[in-house]
Amino acid sequence: MSAVNTQPVSKTAAEKSPPKGVGFALYATLSAAFSHLEDSAIVLSPEGEIVVWNKGAESLFGRSFEDVRNKNISIIAPPGADGDPIEIFAQVLSGHPVAVREADRVRKDGIHVRISERVSPVEDHNGQIYGVLFVARDLTRDIAREGHLNEVTERQDEIATLIPDALYIHRDGKLLWAN
């Protein structure tokens, strides 16, 4: 396993650090706000360090807050993964929007997970960026459910082709399926 980069993500990010004390209060408030969220909620400081890691993140990535405190977000990215979280972090920190997207991430035990992630800036009432919020949802069940549905549909189609009589399904006069 490669070493975790604990250096600031960019000089620009380090220069945007919140004033002492203000950031801590904000991060403590965010931590409390996200504590009961089922989805993974991770907040990075402008330096790229993890400062908020909720129970959803612990469950999804198999790491406690103590394991990740002040570390770089790259610890959840498998080598060569699509959507490098460091690049996404820098993009959001520089004010560029990031669309909701799917990405591969890795748990502490090495198991890869497919997630849907939303990345947003954390701003104060003056618009000053105090960090970046990553909210992630595990897509494992959705992917498995979709695969199962595809299997059932294929079986249904195979069985229907074996029946010599015409079969059709309709609702409200609209043809939904036919063999």
Foldseek 3Di string as FASTA:
>chain_A
DDDFDLFFLDPVLVVLADPPPVLVVVLVVVQVVCQPPLWWKWKAFSSQATSHTHPNNCVVQVDDCVRRGSTHPQQFADPPWPDRVSVVFVCQQVPHADDFDWIWTAHPVGDIFIKTWHKHFDADPVRRGGTMMITIDTCVVVVVVVVVVVVVVVVVVVVQVVDPDWDFDDDPPHTDDID
